[in-house]
Amino acid sequence: AAAAKEHQLLGQDKEKVSQWVTELEQALVTAREVASKRESQLKELERQRVEQLSRLEANAAQKLQAEVGRLKSEAAAAAKAAAQEAAVAQREAVRAAMAIASKAQ
């Protein structure tokens, strides 16, 4: 009777251990699924950030290019205005020199 009782207890222990193993295996599968899902989410976030960074870089490059164009236009306009002012100053200098020369005669 004692052996039968011990055999019954061993059977129950074996059943409990088997149940725990099954539960642990299910928990492991669930943990792997959660980890895989999280990894996929992180990869998607990284892809979105790379895409956003690329858009920001392209936008910054366009703005920089527009600013360079504007500065070149301003520089060209300033150079043209300076050349015109220099021509006016040169003509005035020639007139003044001619006036001085005519008074000297």
PDB file of N, CA and C in Angstrom:
ATOM      1  N   ALA A   1       0.830  -1.201   0.000  1.00  0.00           N
ATOM      2  CA  ALA A   1       0.000   0.000   0.000  1.00  0.00           C
ATOM      3  C   ALA A   1       0.863   1.249   0.000  1.00  0.00           C
ATOM      4  N   ALA A   2       1.940   1.190   0.774  1.00  0.00           N
ATOM      5  CA  ALA A   2       2.842   2.339   0.824  1.00  0.00           C
ATOM      6  C   ALA A   2       3.509   2.535  -0.528  1.00  0.00           C
ATOM      7  N   ALA A   3       3.869   1.432  -1.163  1.00  0.00           N
ATOM      8  CA  ALA A   3       4.496   1.522  -2.482  1.00  0.00           C
ATOM      9  C   ALA A   3       3.508   2.064  -3.498  1.00  0.00           C
ATOM     10  N   ALA A   4       2.265   1.663  -3.382  1.00  0.00           N
ATOM     11  CA  ALA A   4       1.238   2.160  -4.304  1.00  0.00           C
ATOM     12  C   ALA A   4       1.023   3.650  -4.087  1.00  0.00           C
ATOM     13  N   LYS A   5       1.008   4.050  -2.811  1.00  0.00           N
ATOM     14  CA  LYS A   5       0.840   5.471  -2.495  1.00  0.00           C
ATOM     15  C   LYS A   5       2.025   6.277  -3.026  1.00  0.00           C
ATOM     16  N   GLU A   6       3.234   5.762  -2.821  1.00  0.00           N
ATOM     17  CA  GLU A   6       4.444   6.436  -3.313  1.00  0.00           C
ATOM     18  C   GLU A   6       4.425   6.507  -4.834  1.00  0.00           C
ATOM     19  N   HIS A   7       3.987   5.424  -5.461  1.00  0.00           N
ATOM     20  CA  HIS A   7       3.895   5.402  -6.925  1.00  0.00           C
ATOM     21  C   HIS A   7       2.880   6.445  -7.407  1.00  0.00           C
ATOM     22  N   GLN A   8       1.778   6.570  -6.674  1.00  0.00           N
ATOM     23  CA  GLN A   8       0.748   7.555  -7.020  1.00  0.00           C
ATOM     24  C   GLN A   8       1.307   8.972  -6.866  1.00  0.00           C
ATOM     25  N   LEU A   9       2.035   9.221  -5.772  1.00  0.00           N
ATOM     26  CA  LEU A   9       2.627  10.547  -5.542  1.00  0.00           C
ATOM     27  C   LEU A   9       3.664  10.881  -6.617  1.00  0.00           C
ATOM     28  N   LEU A  10       4.469   9.900  -7.004  1.00  0.00           N
ATOM     29  CA  LEU A  10       5.450  10.122  -8.073  1.00  0.00           C
ATOM     30  C   LEU A  10       4.748  10.450  -9.384  1.00  0.00           C
ATOM     31  N   GLY A  11       3.655   9.751  -9.643  1.00  0.00           N
ATOM     32  CA  GLY A  11       2.872  10.034 -10.851  1.00  0.00           C
ATOM     33  C   GLY A  11       2.312  11.441 -10.833  1.00  0.00           C
ATOM     34  N   GLN A  12       1.827  11.876  -9.660  1.00  0.00           N
ATOM     35  CA  GLN A  12       1.298  13.236  -9.536  1.00  0.00           C
ATOM     36  C   GLN A  12       2.419  14.267  -9.710  1.00  0.00           C
ATOM     37  N   ASP A  13       3.574  14.005  -9.093  1.00  0.00           N
ATOM     38  CA  ASP A  13       4.717  14.910  -9.244  1.00  0.00           C
ATOM     39  C   ASP A  13       5.151  14.995 -10.702  1.00  0.00           C
ATOM     40  N   LYS A  14       5.169  13.829 -11.350  1.00  0.00           N
ATOM     41  CA  LYS A  14       5.564  13.805 -12.766  1.00  0.00           C
ATOM     42  C   LYS A  14       4.573  14.612 -13.598  1.00  0.00           C
ATOM     43  N   GLU A  15       3.296  14.485 -13.266  1.00  0.00           N
ATOM     44  CA  GLU A  15       2.265  15.236 -13.987  1.00  0.00           C
ATOM     45  C   GLU A  15       2.432  16.738 -13.749  1.00  0.00           C
ATOM     46  N   LYS A  16       2.722  17.131 -12.506  1.00  0.00           N
ATOM     47  CA  LYS A  16       2.937  18.550 -12.190  1.00  0.00           C
ATOM     48  C   LYS A  16       4.153  19.096 -12.932  1.00  0.00           C
ATOM     49  N   VAL A  17       5.226  18.326 -12.934  1.00  0.00           N
ATOM     50  CA  VAL A  17       6.441  18.756 -13.640  1.00  0.00           C
ATOM     51  C   VAL A  17       6.150  18.885 -15.124  1.00  0.00           C
ATOM     52  N   SER A  18       5.422  17.935 -15.677  1.00  0.00           N
ATOM     53  CA  SER A  18       5.068  17.987 -17.096  1.00  0.00           C
ATOM     54  C   SER A  18       4.220  19.223 -17.391  1.00  0.00           C
ATOM     55  N   GLN A  19       3.293  19.530 -16.482  1.00  0.00           N
ATOM     56  CA  GLN A  19       2.447  20.717 -16.655  1.00  0.00           C
ATOM     57  C   GLN A  19       3.299  21.986 -16.586  1.00  0.00           C
ATOM     58  N   TRP A  20       4.238  22.040 -15.644  1.00  0.00           N
ATOM     59  CA  TRP A  20       5.122  23.205 -15.531  1.00  0.00           C
ATOM     60  C   TRP A  20       5.969  23.376 -16.791  1.00  0.00           C
ATOM     61  N   VAL A  21       6.472  22.257 -17.296  1.00  0.00           N
ATOM     62  CA  VAL A  21       7.282  22.316 -18.518  1.00  0.00           C
ATOM     63  C   VAL A  21       6.443  22.863 -19.664  1.00  0.00           C
ATOM     64  N   THR A  22       5.200  22.383 -19.779  1.00  0.00           N
ATOM     65  CA  THR A  22       4.306  22.878 -20.836  1.00  0.00           C
ATOM     66  C   THR A  22       4.060  24.375 -20.664  1.00  0.00           C
ATOM     67  N   GLU A  23       3.785  24.815 -19.438  1.00  0.00           N
ATOM     68  CA  GLU A  23       3.549  26.241 -19.180  1.00  0.00           C
ATOM     69  C   GLU A  23       4.795  27.070 -19.486  1.00  0.00           C
ATOM     70  N   LEU A  24       5.957  26.562 -19.108  1.00  0.00           N
ATOM     71  CA  LEU A  24       7.206  27.282 -19.392  1.00  0.00           C
ATOM     72  C   LEU A  24       7.462  27.368 -20.888  1.00  0.00           C
ATOM     73  N   GLU A  25       7.183  26.279 -21.601  1.00  0.00           N
ATOM     74  CA  GLU A  25       7.353  26.298 -23.059  1.00  0.00           C
ATOM     75  C   GLU A  25       6.418  27.314 -23.694  1.00  0.00           C
ATOM     76  N   GLN A  26       5.162  27.374 -23.214  1.00  0.00           N
ATOM     77  CA  GLN A  26       4.212  28.356 -23.740  1.00  0.00           C
ATOM     78  C   GLN A  26       4.668  29.779 -23.419  1.00  0.00           C
ATOM     79  N   ALA A  27       5.177  29.972 -22.208  1.00  0.00           N
ATOM     80  CA  ALA A  27       5.682  31.296 -21.826  1.00  0.00           C
ATOM     81  C   ALA A  27       6.871  31.692 -22.696  1.00  0.00           C
ATOM     82  N   LEU A  28       7.720  30.723 -23.009  1.00  0.00           N
ATOM     83  CA  LEU A  28       8.872  30.991 -23.862  1.00  0.00           C
ATOM     84  C   LEU A  28       8.430  31.367 -25.272  1.00  0.00           C
ATOM     85  N   VAL A  29       7.450  30.641 -25.804  1.00  0.00           N
ATOM     86  CA  VAL A  29       6.917  30.959 -27.136  1.00  0.00           C
ATOM     87  C   VAL A  29       6.323  32.363 -27.137  1.00  0.00           C
ATOM     88  N   THR A  30       5.550  32.682 -26.100  1.00  0.00           N
ATOM     89  CA  THR A  30       4.951  34.016 -25.997  1.00  0.00           C
ATOM     90  C   THR A  30       6.032  35.088 -25.902  1.00  0.00           C
ATOM     91  N   ALA A  31       7.048  34.849 -25.105  1.00  0.00           N
ATOM     92  CA  ALA A  31       8.143  35.817 -24.964  1.00  0.00           C
ATOM     93  C   ALA A  31       8.860  36.023 -26.289  1.00  0.00           C
ATOM     94  N   ARG A  32       9.065  34.939 -27.026  1.00  0.00           N
ATOM     95  CA  ARG A  32       9.714  35.068 -28.340  1.00  0.00           C
ATOM     96  C   ARG A  32       8.847  35.866 -29.300  1.00  0.00           C
ATOM     97  N   GLU A  33       7.528  35.621 -29.264  1.00  0.00           N
ATOM     98  CA  GLU A  33       6.622  36.377 -30.135  1.00  0.00           C
ATOM     99  C   GLU A  33       6.645  37.860 -29.785  1.00  0.00           C
ATOM    100  N   VAL A  34       6.625  38.163 -28.489  1.00  0.00           N
ATOM    101  CA  VAL A  34       6.670  39.562 -28.042  1.00  0.00           C
ATOM    102  C   VAL A  34       7.989  40.205 -28.468  1.00  0.00           C
ATOM    103  N   ALA A  35       9.088  39.486 -28.288  1.00  0.00           N
ATOM    104  CA  ALA A  35      10.402  40.015 -28.672  1.00  0.00           C
ATOM    105  C   ALA A  35      10.471  40.244 -30.175  1.00  0.00           C
ATOM    106  N   SER A  36       9.926  39.319 -30.943  1.00  0.00           N
ATOM    107  CA  SER A  36       9.934  39.459 -32.400  1.00  0.00           C
ATOM    108  C   SER A  36       9.093  40.655 -32.830  1.00  0.00           C
ATOM    109  N   LYS A  37       7.920  40.804 -32.202  1.00  0.00           N
ATOM    110  CA  LYS A  37       7.058  41.943 -32.526  1.00  0.00           C
ATOM    111  C   LYS A  37       7.755  43.254 -32.177  1.00  0.00           C
ATOM    112  N   ARG A  38       8.388  43.295 -31.013  1.00  0.00           N
ATOM    113  CA  ARG A  38       9.093  44.515 -30.587  1.00  0.00           C
ATOM    114  C   ARG A  38      10.248  44.829 -31.536  1.00  0.00           C
ATOM    115  N   GLU A  39      10.960  43.794 -31.955  1.00  0.00           N
ATOM    116  CA  GLU A  39      12.060  43.998 -32.898  1.00  0.00           C
ATOM    117  C   GLU A  39      11.536  44.564 -34.217  1.00  0.00           C
ATOM    118  N   SER A  40      10.402  44.045 -34.676  1.00  0.00           N
ATOM    119  CA  SER A  40       9.798  44.564 -35.907  1.00  0.00           C
ATOM    120  C   SER A  40       9.394  46.023 -35.741  1.00  0.00           C
ATOM    121  N   GLN A  41       8.823  46.350 -34.580  1.00  0.00           N
ATOM    122  CA  GLN A  41       8.433  47.740 -34.323  1.00  0.00           C
ATOM    123  C   GLN A  41       9.653  48.656 -34.316  1.00  0.00           C
ATOM    124  N   LEU A  42      10.722  48.204 -33.685  1.00  0.00           N
ATOM    125  CA  LEU A  42      11.945  49.013 -33.635  1.00  0.00           C
ATOM    126  C   LEU A  42      12.534  49.213 -35.027  1.00  0.00           C
ATOM    127  N   LYS A  43      12.510  48.157 -35.840  1.00  0.00           N
ATOM    128  CA  LYS A  43      13.013  48.285 -37.213  1.00  0.00           C
ATOM    129  C   LYS A  43      12.171  49.277 -38.003  1.00  0.00           C
ATOM    130  N   GLU A  44      10.851  49.240 -37.813  1.00  0.00           N
ATOM    131  CA  GLU A  44       9.971  50.173 -38.506  1.00  0.00           C
ATOM    132  C   GLU A  44      10.235  51.603 -38.046  1.00  0.00           C
ATOM    133  N   LEU A  45      10.410  51.794 -36.742  1.00  0.00           N
ATOM    134  CA  LEU A  45      10.733  53.133 -36.241  1.00  0.00           C
ATOM    135  C   LEU A  45      12.051  53.637 -36.818  1.00  0.00           C
ATOM    136  N   GLU A  46      13.034  52.765 -36.887  1.00  0.00           N
ATOM    137  CA  GLU A  46      14.334  53.141 -37.452  1.00  0.00           C
ATOM    138  C   GLU A  46      14.184  53.521 -38.925  1.00  0.00           C
ATOM    139  N   ARG A  47      13.392  52.734 -39.665  1.00  0.00           N
ATOM    140  CA  ARG A  47      13.166  53.031 -41.079  1.00  0.00           C
ATOM    141  C   ARG A  47      12.493  54.396 -41.227  1.00  0.00           C
ATOM    142  N   GLN A  48      11.492  54.659 -40.375  1.00  0.00           N
ATOM    143  CA  GLN A  48      10.795  55.944 -40.433  1.00  0.00           C
ATOM    144  C   GLN A  48      11.734  57.096 -40.091  1.00  0.00           C
ATOM    145  N   ARG A  49      12.594  56.896 -39.109  1.00  0.00           N
ATOM    146  CA  ARG A  49      13.538  57.962 -38.734  1.00  0.00           C
ATOM    147  C   ARG A  49      14.545  58.226 -39.844  1.00  0.00           C
ATOM    148  N   VAL A  50      15.014  57.177 -40.482  1.00  0.00           N
ATOM    149  CA  VAL A  50      15.949  57.351 -41.600  1.00  0.00           C
ATOM    150  C   VAL A  50      15.256  58.104 -42.731  1.00  0.00           C
ATOM    151  N   GLU A  51      14.005  57.740 -42.999  1.00  0.00           N
ATOM    152  CA  GLU A  51      13.237  58.416 -44.048  1.00  0.00           C
ATOM    153  C   GLU A  51      13.031  59.887 -43.700  1.00  0.00           C
ATOM    154  N   GLN A  52      12.684  60.157 -42.454  1.00  0.00           N
ATOM    155  CA  GLN A  52      12.480  61.537 -42.015  1.00  0.00           C
ATOM    156  C   GLN A  52      13.783  62.336 -42.108  1.00  0.00           C
ATOM    157  N   LEU A  53      14.877  61.733 -41.699  1.00  0.00           N
ATOM    158  CA  LEU A  53      16.171  62.399 -41.778  1.00  0.00           C
ATOM    159  C   LEU A  53      16.532  62.708 -43.229  1.00  0.00           C
ATOM    160  N   SER A  54      16.250  61.779 -44.124  1.00  0.00           N
ATOM    161  CA  SER A  54      16.525  62.008 -45.544  1.00  0.00           C
ATOM    162  C   SER A  54      15.708  63.182 -46.067  1.00  0.00           C
ATOM    163  N   ARG A  55      14.425  63.239 -45.661  1.00  0.00           N
ATOM    164  CA  ARG A  55      13.581  64.367 -46.094  1.00  0.00           C
ATOM    165  C   ARG A  55      14.121  65.681 -45.538  1.00  0.00           C
ATOM    166  N   LEU A  56      14.518  65.673 -44.265  1.00  0.00           N
ATOM    167  CA  LEU A  56      15.057  66.892 -43.656  1.00  0.00           C
ATOM    168  C   LEU A  56      16.345  67.334 -44.345  1.00  0.00           C
ATOM    169  N   GLU A  57      17.196  66.368 -44.674  1.00  0.00           N
ATOM    170  CA  GLU A  57      18.446  66.696 -45.368  1.00  0.00           C
ATOM    171  C   GLU A  57      18.157  67.281 -46.746  1.00  0.00           C
ATOM    172  N   ALA A  58      17.202  66.673 -47.464  1.00  0.00           N
ATOM    173  CA  ALA A  58      16.849  67.181 -48.793  1.00  0.00           C
ATOM    174  C   ALA A  58      16.269  68.583 -48.683  1.00  0.00           C
ATOM    175  N   ASN A  59      15.413  68.804 -47.688  1.00  0.00           N
ATOM    176  CA  ASN A  59      14.814  70.115 -47.480  1.00  0.00           C
ATOM    177  C   ASN A  59      15.884  71.148 -47.138  1.00  0.00           C
ATOM    178  N   ALA A  60      16.813  70.771 -46.276  1.00  0.00           N
ATOM    179  CA  ALA A  60      17.893  71.689 -45.906  1.00  0.00           C
ATOM    180  C   ALA A  60      18.770  72.007 -47.117  1.00  0.00           C
ATOM    181  N   ALA A  61      19.032  70.997 -47.945  1.00  0.00           N
ATOM    182  CA  ALA A  61      19.847  71.217 -49.144  1.00  0.00           C
ATOM    183  C   ALA A  61      19.140  72.170 -50.101  1.00  0.00           C
ATOM    184  N   GLN A  62      17.819  72.013 -50.252  1.00  0.00           N
ATOM    185  CA  GLN A  62      17.067  72.917 -51.130  1.00  0.00           C
ATOM    186  C   GLN A  62      17.100  74.344 -50.595  1.00  0.00           C
ATOM    187  N   LYS A  63      16.903  74.484 -49.277  1.00  0.00           N
ATOM    188  CA  LYS A  63      16.934  75.825 -48.684  1.00  0.00           C
ATOM    189  C   LYS A  63      18.313  76.455 -48.838  1.00  0.00           C
ATOM    190  N   LEU A  64      19.346  75.653 -48.629  1.00  0.00           N
ATOM    191  CA  LEU A  64      20.707  76.153 -48.772  1.00  0.00           C
ATOM    192  C   LEU A  64      20.975  76.581 -50.210  1.00  0.00           C
ATOM    193  N   GLN A  65      20.521  75.770 -51.149  1.00  0.00           N
ATOM    194  CA  GLN A  65      20.713  76.094 -52.562  1.00  0.00           C
ATOM    195  C   GLN A  65      19.979  77.391 -52.916  1.00  0.00           C
ATOM    196  N   ALA A  66      18.760  77.556 -52.404  1.00  0.00           N
ATOM    197  CA  ALA A  66      17.999  78.781 -52.658  1.00  0.00           C
ATOM    198  C   ALA A  66      18.705  79.985 -52.040  1.00  0.00           C
ATOM    199  N   GLU A  67      19.237  79.816 -50.838  1.00  0.00           N
ATOM    200  CA  GLU A  67      19.946  80.914 -50.168  1.00  0.00           C
ATOM    201  C   GLU A  67      21.218  81.285 -50.932  1.00  0.00           C
ATOM    202  N   VAL A  68      21.935  80.288 -51.417  1.00  0.00           N
ATOM    203  CA  VAL A  68      23.139  80.552 -52.221  1.00  0.00           C
ATOM    204  C   VAL A  68      22.758  81.318 -53.481  1.00  0.00           C
ATOM    205  N   GLY A  69      21.678  80.902 -54.129  1.00  0.00           N
ATOM    206  CA  GLY A  69      21.211  81.607 -55.326  1.00  0.00           C
ATOM    207  C   GLY A  69      20.848  83.049 -55.026  1.00  0.00           C
ATOM    208  N   ARG A  70      20.155  83.266 -53.907  1.00  0.00           N
ATOM    209  CA  ARG A  70      19.772  84.625 -53.509  1.00  0.00           C
ATOM    210  C   ARG A  70      21.007  85.477 -53.231  1.00  0.00           C
ATOM    211  N   LEU A  71      21.973  84.908 -52.526  1.00  0.00           N
ATOM    212  CA  LEU A  71      23.198  85.653 -52.223  1.00  0.00           C
ATOM    213  C   LEU A  71      23.988  85.972 -53.487  1.00  0.00           C
ATOM    214  N   LYS A  72      24.016  85.030 -54.430  1.00  0.00           N
ATOM    215  CA  LYS A  72      24.707  85.295 -55.699  1.00  0.00           C
ATOM    216  C   LYS A  72      24.020  86.425 -56.455  1.00  0.00           C
ATOM    217  N   SER A  73      22.682  86.410 -56.452  1.00  0.00           N
ATOM    218  CA  SER A  73      21.941  87.485 -57.123  1.00  0.00           C
ATOM    219  C   SER A  73      22.219  88.825 -56.462  1.00  0.00           C
ATOM    220  N   GLU A  74      22.207  88.842 -55.129  1.00  0.00           N
ATOM    221  CA  GLU A  74      22.508  90.085 -54.411  1.00  0.00           C
ATOM    222  C   GLU A  74      23.922  90.557 -54.709  1.00  0.00           C
ATOM    223  N   ALA A  75      24.863  89.622 -54.742  1.00  0.00           N
ATOM    224  CA  ALA A  75      26.254  89.990 -55.023  1.00  0.00           C
ATOM    225  C   ALA A  75      26.384  90.543 -56.436  1.00  0.00           C
ATOM    226  N   ALA A  76      25.694  89.923 -57.397  1.00  0.00           N
ATOM    227  CA  ALA A  76      25.750  90.410 -58.779  1.00  0.00           C
ATOM    228  C   ALA A  76      25.128  91.799 -58.875  1.00  0.00           C
ATOM    229  N   ALA A  77      23.999  92.014 -58.187  1.00  0.00           N
ATOM    230  CA  ALA A  77      23.350  93.330 -58.205  1.00  0.00           C
ATOM    231  C   ALA A  77      24.244  94.375 -57.543  1.00  0.00           C
ATOM    232  N   ALA A  78      24.887  94.009 -56.442  1.00  0.00           N
ATOM    233  CA  ALA A  78      25.783  94.943 -55.756  1.00  0.00           C
ATOM    234  C   ALA A  78      26.991  95.266 -56.632  1.00  0.00           C
ATOM    235  N   ALA A  79      27.518  94.264 -57.326  1.00  0.00           N
ATOM    236  CA  ALA A  79      28.667  94.496 -58.218  1.00  0.00           C
ATOM    237  C   ALA A  79      28.266  95.411 -59.370  1.00  0.00           C
ATOM    238  N   LYS A  80      27.051  95.195 -59.916  1.00  0.00           N
ATOM    239  CA  LYS A  80      26.574  96.044 -61.014  1.00  0.00           C
ATOM    240  C   LYS A  80      26.397  97.484 -60.529  1.00  0.00           C
ATOM    241  N   ALA A  81      25.809  97.648 -59.333  1.00  0.00           N
ATOM    242  CA  ALA A  81      25.614  98.990 -58.779  1.00  0.00           C
ATOM    243  C   ALA A  81      26.957  99.658 -58.515  1.00  0.00           C
ATOM    244  N   ALA A  82      27.920  98.897 -57.998  1.00  0.00           N
ATOM    245  CA  ALA A  82      29.250  99.455 -57.738  1.00  0.00           C
ATOM    246  C   ALA A  82      29.922  99.866 -59.038  1.00  0.00           C
ATOM    247  N   ALA A  83      29.762  99.061 -60.088  1.00  0.00           N
ATOM    248  CA  ALA A  83      30.356  99.405 -61.387  1.00  0.00           C
ATOM    249  C   ALA A  83      29.718 100.674 -61.942  1.00  0.00           C
ATOM    250  N   GLN A  84      28.388 100.796 -61.782  1.00  0.00           N
ATOM    251  CA  GLN A  84      27.708 102.007 -62.262  1.00  0.00           C
ATOM    252  C   GLN A  84      28.164 103.236 -61.475  1.00  0.00           C
ATOM    253  N   GLU A  85      28.284 103.086 -60.158  1.00  0.00           N
ATOM    254  CA  GLU A  85      28.758 104.205 -59.340  1.00  0.00           C
ATOM    255  C   GLU A  85      30.192 104.574 -59.697  1.00  0.00           C
ATOM    256  N   ALA A  86      31.013 103.585 -59.985  1.00  0.00           N
ATOM    257  CA  ALA A  86      32.398 103.851 -60.378  1.00  0.00           C
ATOM    258  C   ALA A  86      32.436 104.588 -61.710  1.00  0.00           C
ATOM    259  N   ALA A  87      31.560 104.189 -62.648  1.00  0.00           N
ATOM    260  CA  ALA A  87      31.518 104.867 -63.951  1.00  0.00           C
ATOM    261  C   ALA A  87      31.078 106.317 -63.780  1.00  0.00           C
ATOM    262  N   VAL A  88      30.074 106.546 -62.920  1.00  0.00           N
ATOM    263  CA  VAL A  88      29.609 107.916 -62.664  1.00  0.00           C
ATOM    264  C   VAL A  88      30.738 108.726 -62.028  1.00  0.00           C
ATOM    265  N   ALA A  89      31.429 108.147 -61.060  1.00  0.00           N
ATOM    266  CA  ALA A  89      32.528 108.855 -60.396  1.00  0.00           C
ATOM    267  C   ALA A  89      33.644 109.156 -61.385  1.00  0.00           C
ATOM    268  N   GLN A  90      33.904 108.202 -62.291  1.00  0.00           N
ATOM    269  CA  GLN A  90      34.961 108.423 -63.289  1.00  0.00           C
ATOM    270  C   GLN A  90      34.567 109.560 -64.231  1.00  0.00           C
ATOM    271  N   ARG A  91      33.288 109.581 -64.670  1.00  0.00           N
ATOM    272  CA  ARG A  91      32.841 110.670 -65.552  1.00  0.00           C
ATOM    273  C   ARG A  91      32.931 112.020 -64.838  1.00  0.00           C
ATOM    274  N   GLU A  92      32.531 112.048 -63.571  1.00  0.00           N
ATOM    275  CA  GLU A  92      32.610 113.295 -62.809  1.00  0.00           C
ATOM    276  C   GLU A  92      34.060 113.736 -62.638  1.00  0.00           C
ATOM    277  N   ALA A  93      34.952 112.784 -62.443  1.00  0.00           N
ATOM    278  CA  ALA A  93      36.372 113.114 -62.310  1.00  0.00           C
ATOM    279  C   ALA A  93      36.902 113.681 -63.618  1.00  0.00           C
ATOM    280  N   VAL A  94      36.487 113.101 -64.742  1.00  0.00           N
ATOM    281  CA  VAL A  94      36.929 113.606 -66.051  1.00  0.00           C
ATOM    282  C   VAL A  94      36.392 115.022 -66.259  1.00  0.00           C
ATOM    283  N   ARG A  95      35.119 115.256 -65.940  1.00  0.00           N
ATOM    284  CA  ARG A  95      34.527 116.591 -66.085  1.00  0.00           C
ATOM    285  C   ARG A  95      35.264 117.607 -65.208  1.00  0.00           C
ATOM    286  N   ALA A  96      35.541 117.192 -63.972  1.00  0.00           N
ATOM    287  CA  ALA A  96      36.240 118.100 -63.061  1.00  0.00           C
ATOM    288  C   ALA A  96      37.635 118.403 -63.588  1.00  0.00           C
ATOM    289  N   ALA A  97      38.303 117.383 -64.107  1.00  0.00           N
ATOM    290  CA  ALA A  97      39.643 117.593 -64.653  1.00  0.00           C
ATOM    291  C   ALA A  97      39.580 118.516 -65.857  1.00  0.00           C
ATOM    292  N   MET A  98      38.563 118.332 -66.714  1.00  0.00           N
ATOM    293  CA  MET A  98      38.427 119.196 -67.896  1.00  0.00           C
ATOM    294  C   MET A  98      38.109 120.635 -67.471  1.00  0.00           C
ATOM    295  N   ALA A  99      37.278 120.794 -66.430  1.00  0.00           N
ATOM    296  CA  ALA A  99      36.938 122.138 -65.953  1.00  0.00           C
ATOM    297  C   ALA A  99      38.177 122.829 -65.399  1.00  0.00           C
ATOM    298  N   ILE A 100      38.977 122.075 -64.657  1.00  0.00           N
ATOM    299  CA  ILE A 100      40.207 122.647 -64.109  1.00  0.00           C
ATOM    300  C   ILE A 100      41.160 123.002 -65.242  1.00  0.00           C
ATOM    301  N   ALA A 101      41.247 122.142 -66.250  1.00  0.00           N
ATOM    302  CA  ALA A 101      42.146 122.392 -67.381  1.00  0.00           C
ATOM    303  C   ALA A 101      41.684 123.616 -68.161  1.00  0.00           C
ATOM    304  N   SER A 102      40.368 123.790 -68.336  1.00  0.00           N
ATOM    305  CA  SER A 102      39.888 124.938 -69.103  1.00  0.00           C
ATOM    306  C   SER A 102      40.091 126.234 -68.323  1.00  0.00           C
ATOM    307  N   LYS A 103      40.010 126.204 -67.015  1.00  0.00           N
ATOM    308  CA  LYS A 103      40.254 127.391 -66.209  1.00  0.00           C
ATOM    309  C   LYS A 103      41.738 127.735 -66.208  1.00  0.00           C
ATOM    310  N   ALA A 104      42.566 126.725 -66.316  1.00  0.00           N
ATOM    311  CA  ALA A 104      44.003 126.941 -66.299  1.00  0.00           C
ATOM    312  C   ALA A 104      44.456 127.603 -67.590  1.00  0.00           C
ATOM    313  N   GLN A 105      43.711 127.483 -68.639  1.00  0.00           N
ATOM    314  CA  GLN A 105      44.151 128.048 -69.917  1.00  0.00           C
ATOM    315  C   GLN A 105      43.863 129.481 -69.987  1.00  0.00           C
TER     316      GLN A 105
END
